[in-house]
Structures are given as structure tokens and as C-alpha cells.
Amino acid sequence: MTTRHIIIATLIIAAGLAWSGTASAGSLQKRLENQHYRIRDGIADGELTYREARRLRHHHRVVRQMRHHFLADGHLSHRERKILNYRLDRNSYRIRALKHNHRYYEGRGWYKYYGGRGWHRHYR
């Protein structure tokens, strides 16, 4: 191999690593949005009680704040990405467990008052 081939290969590898870092930040955002909608749908369907939803929203907010803090320097390190993925995995498990615990809210529809139209506007 010539020096030219080595330089080109190095540039391709560097570009791939840089692209994978930004892609993971995007996939974390998608996971956050997905979990947000899962919580919202659980509230709308009555699968989550008021306290369960409040607790899930708190955990969701903590992960969003961590992500914002980690991205303050412009990129996510491997360790930061690992921490966020771990927290998102735990939140996903919590959402599933609480949506399927056979506790339903069949009252006057508190969703209208606490989780309705305006809730999703404050997501970002």
C-alpha cells in the first residue's frame, strides 16, 4: 500500500467515527420521544394512574436533563452514551411494567386536566 491509500483509509475511518457519534445522539433523541409518547398514550388509555405517570415523567425529565448536560460540550463520549442508554433502558422497563400492572384510572379522565393538550408542548 502506498502512503496515499493509508491516508484515504484513515480519513474514511475518522469520518465514520464522527458520523456514528452524531447518529447516536439522534437515536437517543428518538428513544426519548418514543418514551414520551408511550407515557402520554398510557395516560390517555387510563393504563397509568396519576402517581405512576408523574413518577415516569420525572424519570424521563432526569434523562433529558442528563442528555442536555452531556451534549454541552458538543458531543457524547462512549461513557456518556452508555450511561444514557442504561437510563433509557430502565425507563423503558418502568413504562412497560407500570402500563401492564392492571391498575387503571377509570375516574373523570384526569388526562384532560393534567396530561392533555399542553403537556406535549413542554417536551423540549
N, C-alpha and C. Protein backbone atom coordinates (compact mmCIF):
# COMPACT_ATOMS: atom_id res chain seq x y z
N MET A 1 0.83 -1.18 0.00
CA MET A 1 0.00 0.00 0.00
C MET A 1 0.88 1.25 0.00
N THR A 2 0.37 2.19 -0.68
CA THR A 2 1.11 3.45 -0.72
C THR A 2 0.64 4.36 0.41
N THR A 3 1.37 5.41 0.58
CA THR A 3 1.03 6.39 1.62
C THR A 3 -0.33 7.01 1.34
N ARG A 4 -0.62 7.18 0.08
CA ARG A 4 -1.90 7.77 -0.32
C ARG A 4 -3.07 6.89 0.12
N HIS A 5 -2.96 5.59 -0.05
CA HIS A 5 -4.02 4.67 0.37
C HIS A 5 -4.21 4.68 1.89
N ILE A 6 -3.12 4.78 2.61
CA ILE A 6 -3.20 4.81 4.07
C ILE A 6 -3.90 6.09 4.54
N ILE A 7 -3.59 7.20 3.92
CA ILE A 7 -4.23 8.47 4.29
C ILE A 7 -5.73 8.42 3.99
N ILE A 8 -6.09 7.89 2.84
CA ILE A 8 -7.50 7.79 2.47
C ILE A 8 -8.25 6.87 3.44
N ALA A 9 -7.65 5.74 3.77
CA ALA A 9 -8.28 4.82 4.71
C ALA A 9 -8.46 5.46 6.09
N THR A 10 -7.47 6.21 6.53
CA THR A 10 -7.55 6.90 7.81
C THR A 10 -8.68 7.93 7.81
N LEU A 11 -8.81 8.68 6.73
CA LEU A 11 -9.87 9.68 6.62
C LEU A 11 -11.25 9.03 6.62
N ILE A 12 -11.39 7.91 5.94
CA ILE A 12 -12.67 7.21 5.90
C ILE A 12 -13.05 6.71 7.29
N ILE A 13 -12.10 6.15 8.00
CA ILE A 13 -12.36 5.66 9.36
C ILE A 13 -12.72 6.82 10.29
N ALA A 14 -11.98 7.93 10.19
CA ALA A 14 -12.27 9.10 11.04
C ALA A 14 -13.65 9.65 10.75
N ALA A 15 -14.03 9.72 9.48
CA ALA A 15 -15.36 10.22 9.12
C ALA A 15 -16.45 9.28 9.64
N GLY A 16 -16.21 7.99 9.57
CA GLY A 16 -17.18 7.02 10.10
C GLY A 16 -17.36 7.15 11.59
N LEU A 17 -16.28 7.35 12.32
CA LEU A 17 -16.38 7.53 13.77
C LEU A 17 -17.10 8.82 14.11
N ALA A 18 -16.82 9.88 13.39
CA ALA A 18 -17.50 11.15 13.65
C ALA A 18 -18.99 11.03 13.34
N TRP A 19 -19.34 10.35 12.27
CA TRP A 19 -20.74 10.18 11.90
C TRP A 19 -21.48 9.32 12.93
N SER A 20 -20.84 8.29 13.45
CA SER A 20 -21.50 7.42 14.41
C SER A 20 -21.79 8.16 15.71
N GLY A 21 -20.96 9.10 16.10
CA GLY A 21 -21.19 9.88 17.31
C GLY A 21 -22.43 10.75 17.18
N THR A 22 -22.62 11.39 16.03
CA THR A 22 -23.80 12.22 15.84
C THR A 22 -25.03 11.37 15.65
N ALA A 23 -24.90 10.22 15.05
CA ALA A 23 -26.06 9.35 14.86
C ALA A 23 -26.58 8.84 16.19
N SER A 24 -25.69 8.57 17.12
CA SER A 24 -26.15 8.06 18.40
C SER A 24 -26.90 9.13 19.18
N ALA A 25 -26.48 10.39 19.04
CA ALA A 25 -27.21 11.47 19.70
C ALA A 25 -28.62 11.56 19.12
N GLY A 26 -28.74 11.34 17.82
CA GLY A 26 -30.05 11.35 17.19
C GLY A 26 -30.90 10.18 17.61
N SER A 27 -30.30 9.00 17.75
CA SER A 27 -31.07 7.84 18.17
C SER A 27 -31.52 7.97 19.62
N LEU A 28 -30.71 8.63 20.45
CA LEU A 28 -31.14 8.88 21.83
C LEU A 28 -32.35 9.81 21.84
N GLN A 29 -32.35 10.81 20.97
CA GLN A 29 -33.49 11.72 20.89
C GLN A 29 -34.74 10.97 20.45
N LYS A 30 -34.60 10.05 19.50
CA LYS A 30 -35.74 9.25 19.06
C LYS A 30 -36.29 8.39 20.19
N ARG A 31 -35.38 7.80 20.98
CA ARG A 31 -35.82 6.98 22.12
C ARG A 31 -36.54 7.83 23.15
N LEU A 32 -36.03 9.03 23.40
CA LEU A 32 -36.70 9.93 24.34
C LEU A 32 -38.11 10.29 23.85
N GLU A 33 -38.23 10.60 22.57
CA GLU A 33 -39.54 10.93 22.01
C GLU A 33 -40.47 9.73 22.09
N ASN A 34 -39.97 8.55 21.78
CA ASN A 34 -40.78 7.34 21.83
C ASN A 34 -41.30 7.10 23.25
N GLN A 35 -40.43 7.25 24.23
CA GLN A 35 -40.85 7.05 25.61
C GLN A 35 -41.85 8.12 26.04
N HIS A 36 -41.66 9.34 25.58
CA HIS A 36 -42.61 10.41 25.88
C HIS A 36 -44.00 10.03 25.38
N TYR A 37 -44.08 9.54 24.15
CA TYR A 37 -45.37 9.18 23.58
C TYR A 37 -45.96 7.94 24.25
N ARG A 38 -45.12 7.02 24.68
CA ARG A 38 -45.64 5.85 25.41
C ARG A 38 -46.27 6.27 26.73
N ILE A 39 -45.64 7.21 27.43
CA ILE A 39 -46.21 7.70 28.68
C ILE A 39 -47.52 8.43 28.39
N ARG A 40 -47.52 9.28 27.40
CA ARG A 40 -48.73 10.04 27.05
C ARG A 40 -49.87 9.11 26.67
N ASP A 41 -49.58 8.07 25.89
CA ASP A 41 -50.62 7.13 25.49
C ASP A 41 -51.12 6.32 26.67
N GLY A 42 -50.24 6.00 27.60
CA GLY A 42 -50.66 5.28 28.81
C GLY A 42 -51.60 6.12 29.65
N ILE A 43 -51.36 7.42 29.70
CA ILE A 43 -52.25 8.32 30.42
C ILE A 43 -53.60 8.38 29.72
N ALA A 44 -53.58 8.55 28.40
CA ALA A 44 -54.81 8.68 27.63
C ALA A 44 -55.67 7.42 27.72
N ASP A 45 -55.04 6.26 27.74
CA ASP A 45 -55.77 4.99 27.79
C ASP A 45 -56.20 4.62 29.20
N GLY A 46 -55.71 5.34 30.19
CA GLY A 46 -56.04 5.01 31.58
C GLY A 46 -55.18 3.89 32.13
N GLU A 47 -54.15 3.47 31.39
CA GLU A 47 -53.28 2.38 31.86
C GLU A 47 -52.35 2.84 32.97
N LEU A 48 -52.15 4.15 33.07
CA LEU A 48 -51.28 4.71 34.10
C LEU A 48 -52.11 5.56 35.05
N THR A 49 -51.87 5.38 36.34
CA THR A 49 -52.52 6.24 37.32
C THR A 49 -51.78 7.57 37.36
N TYR A 50 -52.36 8.52 38.08
CA TYR A 50 -51.74 9.83 38.17
C TYR A 50 -50.35 9.75 38.77
N ARG A 51 -50.20 9.01 39.85
CA ARG A 51 -48.89 8.90 40.51
C ARG A 51 -47.88 8.18 39.64
N GLU A 52 -48.32 7.12 38.96
CA GLU A 52 -47.40 6.39 38.08
C GLU A 52 -46.90 7.31 36.97
N ALA A 53 -47.82 8.05 36.36
CA ALA A 53 -47.43 8.95 35.27
C ALA A 53 -46.51 10.05 35.77
N ARG A 54 -46.79 10.58 36.94
CA ARG A 54 -45.94 11.63 37.49
C ARG A 54 -44.53 11.11 37.73
N ARG A 55 -44.41 9.89 38.25
CA ARG A 55 -43.09 9.29 38.50
C ARG A 55 -42.35 9.04 37.19
N LEU A 56 -43.06 8.52 36.19
CA LEU A 56 -42.43 8.26 34.89
C LEU A 56 -41.96 9.55 34.23
N ARG A 57 -42.79 10.60 34.32
CA ARG A 57 -42.39 11.88 33.73
C ARG A 57 -41.16 12.44 34.44
N HIS A 58 -41.08 12.22 35.75
CA HIS A 58 -39.89 12.68 36.49
C HIS A 58 -38.63 11.97 35.98
N HIS A 59 -38.69 10.65 35.86
CA HIS A 59 -37.52 9.89 35.37
C HIS A 59 -37.17 10.32 33.94
N HIS A 60 -38.18 10.56 33.14
CA HIS A 60 -37.98 11.00 31.77
C HIS A 60 -37.28 12.36 31.74
N ARG A 61 -37.72 13.26 32.59
CA ARG A 61 -37.13 14.60 32.67
C ARG A 61 -35.66 14.53 33.10
N VAL A 62 -35.35 13.63 34.03
CA VAL A 62 -33.97 13.48 34.50
C VAL A 62 -33.06 13.04 33.35
N VAL A 63 -33.52 12.10 32.54
CA VAL A 63 -32.70 11.63 31.41
C VAL A 63 -32.52 12.74 30.38
N ARG A 64 -33.58 13.51 30.13
CA ARG A 64 -33.46 14.63 29.19
C ARG A 64 -32.44 15.65 29.68
N GLN A 65 -32.46 15.94 30.98
CA GLN A 65 -31.51 16.89 31.55
C GLN A 65 -30.09 16.35 31.49
N MET A 66 -29.91 15.05 31.74
CA MET A 66 -28.59 14.44 31.63
C MET A 66 -28.07 14.55 30.20
N ARG A 67 -28.92 14.25 29.23
CA ARG A 67 -28.53 14.33 27.83
C ARG A 67 -28.12 15.76 27.48
N HIS A 68 -28.90 16.72 27.92
CA HIS A 68 -28.58 18.12 27.66
C HIS A 68 -27.23 18.49 28.29
N HIS A 69 -27.00 18.04 29.50
CA HIS A 69 -25.74 18.31 30.19
C HIS A 69 -24.56 17.65 29.46
N PHE A 70 -24.74 16.40 29.03
CA PHE A 70 -23.66 15.69 28.35
C PHE A 70 -23.35 16.31 26.99
N LEU A 71 -24.36 16.85 26.32
CA LEU A 71 -24.15 17.44 25.00
C LEU A 71 -23.66 18.88 25.06
N ALA A 72 -23.43 19.41 26.25
CA ALA A 72 -23.00 20.80 26.40
C ALA A 72 -21.66 21.06 25.71
N ASP A 73 -20.79 20.05 25.67
CA ASP A 73 -19.50 20.23 25.01
C ASP A 73 -19.54 19.89 23.52
N GLY A 74 -20.69 19.50 23.01
CA GLY A 74 -20.84 19.30 21.57
C GLY A 74 -20.88 17.85 21.12
N HIS A 75 -20.48 16.91 21.96
CA HIS A 75 -20.52 15.51 21.55
C HIS A 75 -20.70 14.61 22.78
N LEU A 76 -21.09 13.38 22.51
CA LEU A 76 -21.25 12.39 23.57
C LEU A 76 -20.06 11.44 23.56
N SER A 77 -19.46 11.25 24.70
CA SER A 77 -18.39 10.26 24.80
C SER A 77 -19.02 8.87 24.89
N HIS A 78 -18.21 7.86 24.75
CA HIS A 78 -18.70 6.49 24.85
C HIS A 78 -19.33 6.24 26.22
N ARG A 79 -18.69 6.73 27.25
CA ARG A 79 -19.20 6.54 28.62
C ARG A 79 -20.54 7.25 28.81
N GLU A 80 -20.67 8.47 28.30
CA GLU A 80 -21.92 9.22 28.43
C GLU A 80 -23.05 8.54 27.67
N ARG A 81 -22.74 8.05 26.48
CA ARG A 81 -23.74 7.33 25.69
C ARG A 81 -24.19 6.06 26.41
N LYS A 82 -23.25 5.36 27.03
CA LYS A 82 -23.55 4.15 27.77
C LYS A 82 -24.47 4.46 28.97
N ILE A 83 -24.17 5.53 29.68
CA ILE A 83 -25.00 5.94 30.82
C ILE A 83 -26.42 6.27 30.36
N LEU A 84 -26.53 7.05 29.28
CA LEU A 84 -27.86 7.43 28.79
C LEU A 84 -28.64 6.22 28.30
N ASN A 85 -27.98 5.31 27.60
CA ASN A 85 -28.68 4.11 27.13
C ASN A 85 -29.15 3.26 28.30
N TYR A 86 -28.33 3.16 29.33
CA TYR A 86 -28.72 2.40 30.52
C TYR A 86 -29.95 3.03 31.17
N ARG A 87 -29.95 4.36 31.32
CA ARG A 87 -31.08 5.05 31.93
C ARG A 87 -32.34 4.92 31.08
N LEU A 88 -32.17 5.00 29.75
CA LEU A 88 -33.32 4.84 28.87
C LEU A 88 -33.87 3.42 28.92
N ASP A 89 -32.99 2.42 29.03
CA ASP A 89 -33.44 1.04 29.18
C ASP A 89 -34.26 0.87 30.46
N ARG A 90 -33.78 1.44 31.56
CA ARG A 90 -34.51 1.36 32.83
C ARG A 90 -35.87 2.05 32.72
N ASN A 91 -35.90 3.22 32.09
CA ASN A 91 -37.16 3.92 31.93
C ASN A 91 -38.13 3.14 31.06
N SER A 92 -37.62 2.52 30.01
CA SER A 92 -38.47 1.72 29.14
C SER A 92 -39.09 0.55 29.93
N TYR A 93 -38.28 -0.09 30.75
CA TYR A 93 -38.79 -1.18 31.58
C TYR A 93 -39.85 -0.66 32.54
N ARG A 94 -39.61 0.50 33.15
CA ARG A 94 -40.58 1.07 34.09
C ARG A 94 -41.90 1.37 33.40
N ILE A 95 -41.82 1.95 32.21
CA ILE A 95 -43.04 2.28 31.47
C ILE A 95 -43.84 1.01 31.19
N ARG A 96 -43.17 -0.01 30.71
CA ARG A 96 -43.87 -1.25 30.41
C ARG A 96 -44.48 -1.87 31.65
N ALA A 97 -43.70 -1.92 32.73
CA ALA A 97 -44.18 -2.54 33.96
C ALA A 97 -45.39 -1.80 34.51
N LEU A 98 -45.37 -0.49 34.50
CA LEU A 98 -46.48 0.27 35.06
C LEU A 98 -47.70 0.28 34.15
N LYS A 99 -47.49 0.19 32.85
CA LYS A 99 -48.64 0.13 31.94
C LYS A 99 -49.34 -1.22 31.99
N HIS A 100 -48.63 -2.25 32.44
CA HIS A 100 -49.21 -3.59 32.45
C HIS A 100 -49.42 -4.15 33.86
N ASN A 101 -49.55 -3.29 34.85
CA ASN A 101 -49.72 -3.79 36.21
C ASN A 101 -51.19 -3.90 36.61
N HIS A 102 -52.09 -3.76 35.68
CA HIS A 102 -53.53 -3.93 35.89
C HIS A 102 -54.11 -2.92 36.86
N ARG A 103 -53.49 -1.75 36.96
CA ARG A 103 -54.09 -0.64 37.68
C ARG A 103 -54.55 0.36 36.63
N TYR A 104 -55.82 0.66 36.66
CA TYR A 104 -56.38 1.57 35.66
C TYR A 104 -57.03 2.75 36.35
N TYR A 105 -56.98 3.87 35.68
CA TYR A 105 -57.68 5.03 36.19
C TYR A 105 -58.97 5.16 35.40
N GLU A 106 -60.08 4.92 36.07
CA GLU A 106 -61.38 4.97 35.40
C GLU A 106 -62.23 6.09 35.99
N GLY A 107 -61.60 7.15 36.40
CA GLY A 107 -62.30 8.27 37.01
C GLY A 107 -62.84 9.22 35.96
N ARG A 108 -62.77 10.50 36.26
CA ARG A 108 -63.33 11.52 35.39
C ARG A 108 -62.39 11.87 34.24
N GLY A 109 -61.35 11.17 34.05
CA GLY A 109 -60.44 11.45 32.95
C GLY A 109 -59.47 12.57 33.29
N TRP A 110 -58.65 12.34 34.27
CA TRP A 110 -57.70 13.37 34.70
C TRP A 110 -56.75 13.75 33.59
N TYR A 111 -56.69 12.93 32.54
CA TYR A 111 -55.81 13.23 31.41
C TYR A 111 -56.13 14.61 30.84
N LYS A 112 -57.41 14.96 30.81
CA LYS A 112 -57.78 16.25 30.26
C LYS A 112 -57.17 17.40 31.05
N TYR A 113 -57.04 17.19 32.36
CA TYR A 113 -56.60 18.28 33.21
C TYR A 113 -55.09 18.31 33.41
N TYR A 114 -54.45 17.15 33.49
CA TYR A 114 -53.04 17.11 33.84
C TYR A 114 -52.12 16.71 32.70
N GLY A 115 -52.61 15.96 31.74
CA GLY A 115 -51.69 15.45 30.73
C GLY A 115 -52.16 15.69 29.32
N GLY A 116 -53.14 16.52 29.15
CA GLY A 116 -53.77 16.67 27.85
C GLY A 116 -52.98 17.51 26.88
N ARG A 117 -53.65 18.38 26.21
CA ARG A 117 -53.11 19.09 25.06
C ARG A 117 -51.80 19.82 25.32
N GLY A 118 -51.66 20.49 26.43
CA GLY A 118 -50.49 21.32 26.65
C GLY A 118 -49.25 20.56 27.08
N TRP A 119 -49.39 19.31 27.50
CA TRP A 119 -48.26 18.58 28.05
C TRP A 119 -47.16 18.37 27.03
N HIS A 120 -47.51 17.99 25.81
CA HIS A 120 -46.50 17.69 24.82
C HIS A 120 -45.77 18.94 24.34
N ARG A 121 -46.34 20.10 24.54
CA ARG A 121 -45.67 21.33 24.12
C ARG A 121 -44.44 21.62 24.95
N HIS A 122 -44.43 21.14 26.18
CA HIS A 122 -43.32 21.41 27.09
C HIS A 122 -42.24 20.35 27.00
N TYR A 123 -42.32 19.48 26.01
CA TYR A 123 -41.39 18.36 25.91
C TYR A 123 -39.97 18.83 25.70
N ARG A 124 -39.73 19.79 24.85
CA ARG A 124 -38.36 20.17 24.51
C ARG A 124 -37.90 21.33 25.27
